[in-house]
C-alpha atoms as a PDB file:
ATOM      1  CA  MET A   1     115.619 -21.797  33.540  1.00  0.00           C
ATOM      2  CA  SER A   2     114.203 -22.294  30.052  1.00  0.00           C
ATOM      3  CA  ARG A   3     115.936 -21.509  26.805  1.00  0.00           C
ATOM      4  CA  SER A   4     114.277 -20.774  23.534  1.00  0.00           C
ATOM      5  CA  LEU A   5     115.346 -23.070  20.745  1.00  0.00           C
ATOM      6  CA  SER A   6     114.403 -20.583  18.014  1.00  0.00           C
ATOM      7  CA  PRO A   7     116.750 -17.742  17.104  1.00  0.00           C
ATOM      8  CA  PRO A   8     115.616 -14.181  17.833  1.00  0.00           C
ATOM      9  CA  LEU A   9     113.611 -12.525  15.060  1.00  0.00           C
ATOM     10  CA  THR A  10     115.689  -9.871  13.330  1.00  0.00           C
ATOM     11  CA  ARG A  11     114.429  -7.007  11.197  1.00  0.00           C
ATOM     12  CA  ARG A  12     115.766  -8.765   8.085  1.00  0.00           C
ATOM     13  CA  GLY A  13     114.079 -12.035   9.062  1.00  0.00           C
ATOM     14  CA  PHE A  14     110.804 -10.249   9.742  1.00  0.00           C
ATOM     15  CA  THR A  15     110.951  -8.451   6.372  1.00  0.00           C
ATOM     16  CA  LEU A  16     111.694 -11.688   4.499  1.00  0.00           C
ATOM     17  CA  ALA A  17     108.842 -13.465   6.281  1.00  0.00           C
ATOM     18  CA  ALA A  18     106.455 -10.606   5.472  1.00  0.00           C
ATOM     19  CA  LEU A  19     107.473 -10.617   1.800  1.00  0.00           C
ATOM     20  CA  SER A  20     107.007 -14.379   1.611  1.00  0.00           C
ATOM     21  CA  THR A  21     103.544 -14.026   3.119  1.00  0.00           C
ATOM     22  CA  ALA A  22     102.745 -11.194   0.704  1.00  0.00           C
ATOM     23  CA  GLY A  23     103.788 -13.368  -2.231  1.00  0.00           C
ATOM     24  CA  LEU A  24     101.595 -16.224  -1.059  1.00  0.00           C
ATOM     25  CA  THR A  25      98.681 -13.860  -0.456  1.00  0.00           C
ATOM     26  CA  ALA A  26      99.053 -12.406  -3.939  1.00  0.00           C
ATOM     27  CA  ALA A  27      98.807 -15.902  -5.395  1.00  0.00           C
ATOM     28  CA  CYS A  28      95.577 -16.852  -3.606  1.00  0.00           C
ATOM     29  CA  GLY A  29      92.495 -17.028  -5.750  1.00  0.00           C
ATOM     30  CA  ASN A  30      93.427 -14.599  -8.494  1.00  0.00           C
ATOM     31  CA  GLY A  31      94.210 -16.863 -11.393  1.00  0.00           C
ATOM     32  CA  VAL A  32      97.795 -17.799 -10.626  1.00  0.00           C
ATOM     33  CA  GLY A  33      98.473 -21.309 -11.796  1.00  0.00           C
ATOM     34  CA  SER A  34      96.348 -23.410 -14.107  1.00  0.00           C
ATOM     35  CA  THR A  35      93.324 -21.158 -14.578  1.00  0.00           C
ATOM     36  CA  GLY A  36      92.002 -21.827 -18.050  1.00  0.00           C
ATOM     37  CA  ASP A  37      90.211 -19.579 -20.495  1.00  0.00           C
ATOM     38  CA  VAL A  38      86.753 -20.862 -19.448  1.00  0.00           C
ATOM     39  CA  THR A  39      87.392 -19.829 -15.838  1.00  0.00           C
ATOM     40  CA  ILE A  40      88.760 -16.432 -16.832  1.00  0.00           C
ATOM     41  CA  ASP A  41      85.787 -15.792 -19.142  1.00  0.00           C
ATOM     42  CA  ALA A  42      83.330 -16.742 -16.365  1.00  0.00           C
ATOM     43  CA  ARG A  43      85.064 -14.327 -13.977  1.00  0.00           C
ATOM     44  CA  VAL A  44      85.024 -11.593 -16.635  1.00  0.00           C
ATOM     45  CA  ASP A  45      81.280 -12.090 -17.185  1.00  0.00           C
ATOM     46  CA  ALA A  46      80.608 -11.890 -13.439  1.00  0.00           C
ATOM     47  CA  THR A  47      82.781  -8.778 -13.101  1.00  0.00           C
ATOM     48  CA  LEU A  48      81.015  -6.973 -15.948  1.00  0.00           C
ATOM     49  CA  ASN A  49      77.614  -7.907 -14.483  1.00  0.00           C
ATOM     50  CA  GLU A  50      78.701  -6.470 -11.115  1.00  0.00           C
ATOM     51  CA  LEU A  51      80.055  -3.301 -12.745  1.00  0.00           C
ATOM     52  CA  TYR A  52      76.958  -2.678 -14.847  1.00  0.00           C
ATOM     53  CA  SER A  53      74.508  -3.403 -12.016  1.00  0.00           C
ATOM     54  CA  SER A  54      76.396  -1.334  -9.422  1.00  0.00           C
ATOM     55  CA  TYR A  55      77.301   1.519 -11.777  1.00  0.00           C
ATOM     56  CA  PRO A  56      74.756   1.577 -14.647  1.00  0.00           C
ATOM     57  CA  ASN A  57      76.370   4.648 -16.232  1.00  0.00           C
ATOM     58  CA  THR A  58      79.326   2.464 -17.234  1.00  0.00           C
ATOM     59  CA  ILE A  59      77.089   0.682 -19.761  1.00  0.00           C
ATOM     60  CA  ALA A  60      77.112   3.782 -21.986  1.00  0.00           C
ATOM     61  CA  ILE A  61      80.912   3.980 -21.705  1.00  0.00           C
ATOM     62  CA  ALA A  62      81.227   0.299 -22.650  1.00  0.00           C
ATOM     63  CA  GLU A  63      78.976   0.766 -25.675  1.00  0.00           C
ATOM     64  CA  LYS A  64      81.221   3.573 -26.961  1.00  0.00           C
ATOM     65  CA  ALA A  65      84.488   1.729 -26.269  1.00  0.00           C
ATOM     66  CA  SER A  66      86.509   0.071 -29.039  1.00  0.00           C
ATOM     67  CA  GLY A  67      87.604  -2.605 -26.563  1.00  0.00           C
ATOM     68  CA  ILE A  68      87.390  -3.442 -22.876  1.00  0.00           C
ATOM     69  CA  LEU A  69      90.066  -5.102 -20.738  1.00  0.00           C
ATOM     70  CA  VAL A  70      88.509  -6.745 -17.683  1.00  0.00           C
ATOM     71  CA  MET A  71      90.681  -7.822 -14.760  1.00  0.00           C
ATOM     72  CA  PRO A  72      88.246  -9.625 -12.424  1.00  0.00           C
ATOM     73  CA  LEU A  73      90.563 -10.008  -9.453  1.00  0.00           C
ATOM     74  CA  VAL A  74      93.881  -8.332  -8.782  1.00  0.00           C
ATOM     75  CA  THR A  75      95.582  -9.021  -5.472  1.00  0.00           C
ATOM     76  CA  GLU A  76      98.162  -6.600  -4.098  1.00  0.00           C
ATOM     77  CA  ALA A  77     100.201  -6.992  -0.943  1.00  0.00           C
ATOM     78  CA  SER A  78     102.912  -4.784   0.459  1.00  0.00           C
ATOM     79  CA  PHE A  79     105.242  -4.389   3.384  1.00  0.00           C
ATOM     80  CA  TRP A  80     107.681  -1.696   2.223  1.00  0.00           C
ATOM     81  CA  VAL A  81     108.139  -3.683  -0.994  1.00  0.00           C
ATOM     82  CA  GLY A  82     104.983  -4.872  -2.692  1.00  0.00           C
ATOM     83  CA  GLY A  83     103.516  -6.512  -5.698  1.00  0.00           C
ATOM     84  CA  GLY A  84     100.285  -7.443  -7.349  1.00  0.00           C
ATOM     85  CA  TYR A  85      98.991  -9.906  -9.909  1.00  0.00           C
ATOM     86  CA  GLY A  86      95.806 -10.801 -11.748  1.00  0.00           C
ATOM     87  CA  ARG A  87      94.472 -12.287 -14.980  1.00  0.00           C
ATOM     88  CA  GLY A  88      91.714 -11.154 -17.291  1.00  0.00           C
ATOM     89  CA  ALA A  89      90.457 -10.848 -20.835  1.00  0.00           C
ATOM     90  CA  LEU A  90      90.284  -8.269 -23.599  1.00  0.00           C
ATOM     91  CA  ARG A  91      86.881  -8.057 -25.231  1.00  0.00           C
ATOM     92  CA  VAL A  92      86.127  -6.437 -28.568  1.00  0.00           C
ATOM     93  CA  GLY A  93      82.525  -6.339 -29.718  1.00  0.00           C
ATOM     94  CA  GLY A  94      81.528  -8.366 -26.648  1.00  0.00           C
ATOM     95  CA  ALA A  95      83.792 -11.317 -27.547  1.00  0.00           C
ATOM     96  CA  THR A  96      87.063 -12.319 -25.885  1.00  0.00           C
ATOM     97  CA  VAL A  97      89.965 -11.798 -28.292  1.00  0.00           C
ATOM     98  CA  ASP A  98      92.979 -12.183 -25.963  1.00  0.00           C
ATOM     99  CA  TYR A  99      93.904 -12.976 -22.374  1.00  0.00           C
ATOM    100  CA  TYR A 100      96.182 -10.791 -20.272  1.00  0.00           C
ATOM    101  CA  SER A 101      97.936 -10.760 -16.945  1.00  0.00           C
ATOM    102  CA  THR A 102      98.724  -7.672 -14.949  1.00  0.00           C
ATOM    103  CA  ALA A 103     101.695  -7.384 -12.652  1.00  0.00           C
ATOM    104  CA  LYS A 104     102.872  -4.545 -10.516  1.00  0.00           C
ATOM    105  CA  ALA A 105     105.836  -3.988  -8.220  1.00  0.00           C
ATOM    106  CA  SER A 106     106.306  -1.114  -5.839  1.00  0.00           C
ATOM    107  CA  ALA A 107     108.547   0.111  -3.077  1.00  0.00           C
ATOM    108  CA  GLY A 108     108.048   2.762  -0.468  1.00  0.00           C
ATOM    109  CA  VAL A 109     105.776   3.399   2.464  1.00  0.00           C
ATOM    110  CA  GLN A 110     102.971   0.936   1.758  1.00  0.00           C
ATOM    111  CA  PHE A 111     101.519  -1.606   4.146  1.00  0.00           C
ATOM    112  CA  GLY A 112      98.668  -4.047   3.774  1.00  0.00           C
ATOM    113  CA  ALA A 113      96.848  -6.081   1.187  1.00  0.00           C
ATOM    114  CA  GLN A 114      93.820  -5.605  -1.022  1.00  0.00           C
ATOM    115  CA  GLN A 115      91.860  -7.250  -3.791  1.00  0.00           C
ATOM    116  CA  TYR A 116      89.909  -5.407  -6.440  1.00  0.00           C
ATOM    117  CA  ALA A 117      88.619  -5.600  -9.974  1.00  0.00           C
ATOM    118  CA  HIS A 118      89.279  -3.096 -12.692  1.00  0.00           C
ATOM    119  CA  VAL A 119      88.181  -2.437 -16.225  1.00  0.00           C
ATOM    120  CA  LEU A 120      90.059  -0.440 -18.851  1.00  0.00           C
ATOM    121  CA  PHE A 121      87.882   1.062 -21.579  1.00  0.00           C
ATOM    122  CA  PHE A 122      89.808   1.748 -24.794  1.00  0.00           C
ATOM    123  CA  MET A 123      87.787   4.610 -26.250  1.00  0.00           C
ATOM    124  CA  THR A 124      89.605   4.874 -29.594  1.00  0.00           C
ATOM    125  CA  ASP A 125      90.785   2.333 -32.142  1.00  0.00           C
ATOM    126  CA  ASP A 126      94.293   3.839 -31.905  1.00  0.00           C
ATOM    127  CA  ALA A 127      94.447   3.283 -28.132  1.00  0.00           C
ATOM    128  CA  LEU A 128      93.187  -0.289 -28.523  1.00  0.00           C
ATOM    129  CA  ASN A 129      95.636  -1.071 -31.332  1.00  0.00           C
ATOM    130  CA  GLU A 130      98.558   0.407 -29.374  1.00  0.00           C
ATOM    131  CA  PHE A 131      97.624  -1.775 -26.411  1.00  0.00           C
ATOM    132  CA  ARG A 132      97.337  -4.926 -28.533  1.00  0.00           C
ATOM    133  CA  ARG A 133     100.642  -4.314 -30.385  1.00  0.00           C
ATOM    134  CA  ALA A 134     102.666  -3.654 -27.240  1.00  0.00           C
ATOM    135  CA  SER A 135     104.717  -6.510 -25.856  1.00  0.00           C
ATOM    136  CA  GLY A 136     104.027  -5.141 -22.383  1.00  0.00           C
ATOM    137  CA  TRP A 137     101.718  -2.151 -21.955  1.00  0.00           C
ATOM    138  CA  THR A 138     102.049  -0.044 -18.808  1.00  0.00           C
ATOM    139  CA  VAL A 139      99.407   2.219 -17.270  1.00  0.00           C
ATOM    140  CA  GLY A 140     100.598   5.800 -17.161  1.00  0.00           C
ATOM    141  CA  ALA A 141      99.293   9.051 -15.797  1.00  0.00           C
ATOM    142  CA  ASP A 142      97.261   9.616 -18.987  1.00  0.00           C
ATOM    143  CA  VAL A 143      94.582   7.095 -17.936  1.00  0.00           C
ATOM    144  CA  GLU A 144      91.425   8.857 -16.724  1.00  0.00           C
ATOM    145  CA  TYR A 145      89.574   7.252 -13.813  1.00  0.00           C
ATOM    146  CA  VAL A 146      85.800   7.225 -14.198  1.00  0.00           C
ATOM    147  CA  LEU A 147      85.330   5.201 -11.037  1.00  0.00           C
ATOM    148  CA  LEU A 148      87.461   4.630  -7.971  1.00  0.00           C
ATOM    149  CA  ASP A 149      85.514   2.530  -5.490  1.00  0.00           C
ATOM    150  CA  ARG A 150      86.292   4.549  -2.407  1.00  0.00           C
ATOM    151  CA  GLY A 151      82.753   5.780  -2.031  1.00  0.00           C
ATOM    152  CA  ASP A 152      83.191   7.907  -5.159  1.00  0.00           C
ATOM    153  CA  GLY A 153      80.466   8.099  -7.743  1.00  0.00           C
ATOM    154  CA  LEU A 154      80.923   7.843 -11.457  1.00  0.00           C
ATOM    155  CA  ASN A 155      83.179  10.611 -12.749  1.00  0.00           C
ATOM    156  CA  ALA A 156      82.402  10.742 -16.460  1.00  0.00           C
ATOM    157  CA  ASP A 157      81.820  14.066 -18.127  1.00  0.00           C
ATOM    158  CA  SER A 158      82.247  15.046 -21.770  1.00  0.00           C
ATOM    159  CA  ASN A 159      85.937  15.893 -21.237  1.00  0.00           C
ATOM    160  CA  THR A 160      86.658  12.561 -19.525  1.00  0.00           C
ATOM    161  CA  LEU A 161      84.938  10.617 -22.302  1.00  0.00           C
ATOM    162  CA  ARG A 162      87.384  12.119 -24.840  1.00  0.00           C
ATOM    163  CA  SER A 163      90.312  10.377 -23.144  1.00  0.00           C
ATOM    164  CA  PRO A 164      91.736   7.430 -25.090  1.00  0.00           C
ATOM    165  CA  VAL A 165      91.715   5.092 -22.045  1.00  0.00           C
ATOM    166  CA  LEU A 166      89.291   5.164 -19.113  1.00  0.00           C
ATOM    167  CA  ALA A 167      89.610   3.072 -15.945  1.00  0.00           C
ATOM    168  CA  ALA A 168      87.054   1.810 -13.434  1.00  0.00           C
ATOM    169  CA  VAL A 169      88.416   0.349 -10.178  1.00  0.00           C
ATOM    170  CA  PHE A 170      85.847  -1.278  -7.893  1.00  0.00           C
ATOM    171  CA  GLY A 171      85.060  -4.126  -5.520  1.00  0.00           C
ATOM    172  CA  ARG A 172      87.933  -3.442  -3.149  1.00  0.00           C
ATOM    173  CA  ALA A 173      88.521  -5.716  -0.187  1.00  0.00           C
ATOM    174  CA  GLY A 174      91.247  -4.859   2.268  1.00  0.00           C
ATOM    175  CA  LEU A 175      93.358  -1.791   2.735  1.00  0.00           C
ATOM    176  CA  LEU A 176      96.563  -0.755   1.019  1.00  0.00           C
ATOM    177  CA  VAL A 177      97.717   2.811   1.428  1.00  0.00           C
ATOM    178  CA  GLY A 178      98.875   4.446  -1.808  1.00  0.00           C
ATOM    179  CA  ALA A 179      97.338   2.051  -4.343  1.00  0.00           C
ATOM    180  CA  SER A 180      96.558   2.939  -7.974  1.00  0.00           C
ATOM    181  CA  LEU A 181      96.783   1.343 -11.419  1.00  0.00           C
ATOM    182  CA  GLU A 182      99.726   3.533 -12.364  1.00  0.00           C
ATOM    183  CA  GLY A 183     102.742   1.395 -13.163  1.00  0.00           C
ATOM    184  CA  ALA A 184     100.723  -1.799 -13.688  1.00  0.00           C
ATOM    185  CA  LYS A 185     102.022  -3.754 -16.671  1.00  0.00           C
ATOM    186  CA  TYR A 186      99.749  -5.842 -18.901  1.00  0.00           C
ATOM    187  CA  THR A 187     101.085  -8.780 -20.886  1.00  0.00           C
ATOM    188  CA  ARG A 188      99.267 -11.104 -23.311  1.00  0.00           C
ATOM    189  CA  ILE A 189      99.115 -14.679 -21.987  1.00  0.00           C
ATOM    190  CA  ILE A 190      97.927 -18.108 -23.068  1.00  0.00           C
ATOM    191  CA  PRO A 191      95.774 -19.422 -20.191  1.00  0.00           C
END
């Protein structure tokens, strides 16, 4: 007769283990820790090159934008309760002016993990200035998506281009049901 030395796995224990794993997964390779400005800028350059080569119509949007926030890699993980994190840079006139992190927490029926890049195009000076003045800017329902990399093409018509903030989400790896940028909070950081 053999006895197990480990206690039985309870629902609470399983949930805590899953959340711990999700936290570790969210920290892997997305700029958590001692990523400096040189590394972030290199990732931003690579992300913009990928965006412009994969979706050439975004070049015209970028040329009209007052500023562009590039988040090269955001990692989200969820098992009922989830979170996400990433770091990037705000560019104005093609030059980096500030560095930002994005963080997101969620609860509800969500399972899985994913990594993706996203770019926010600030189409007006007012929208850019509001973003830069905020101590923590949160994406709301007023952001128009010009690209959601789920096999969608570019969705930019004359009405969309009048929106103050446009978003392009692309380069997804993994699966997370119910993901969007809504509720993501951006905070200025010193890398």
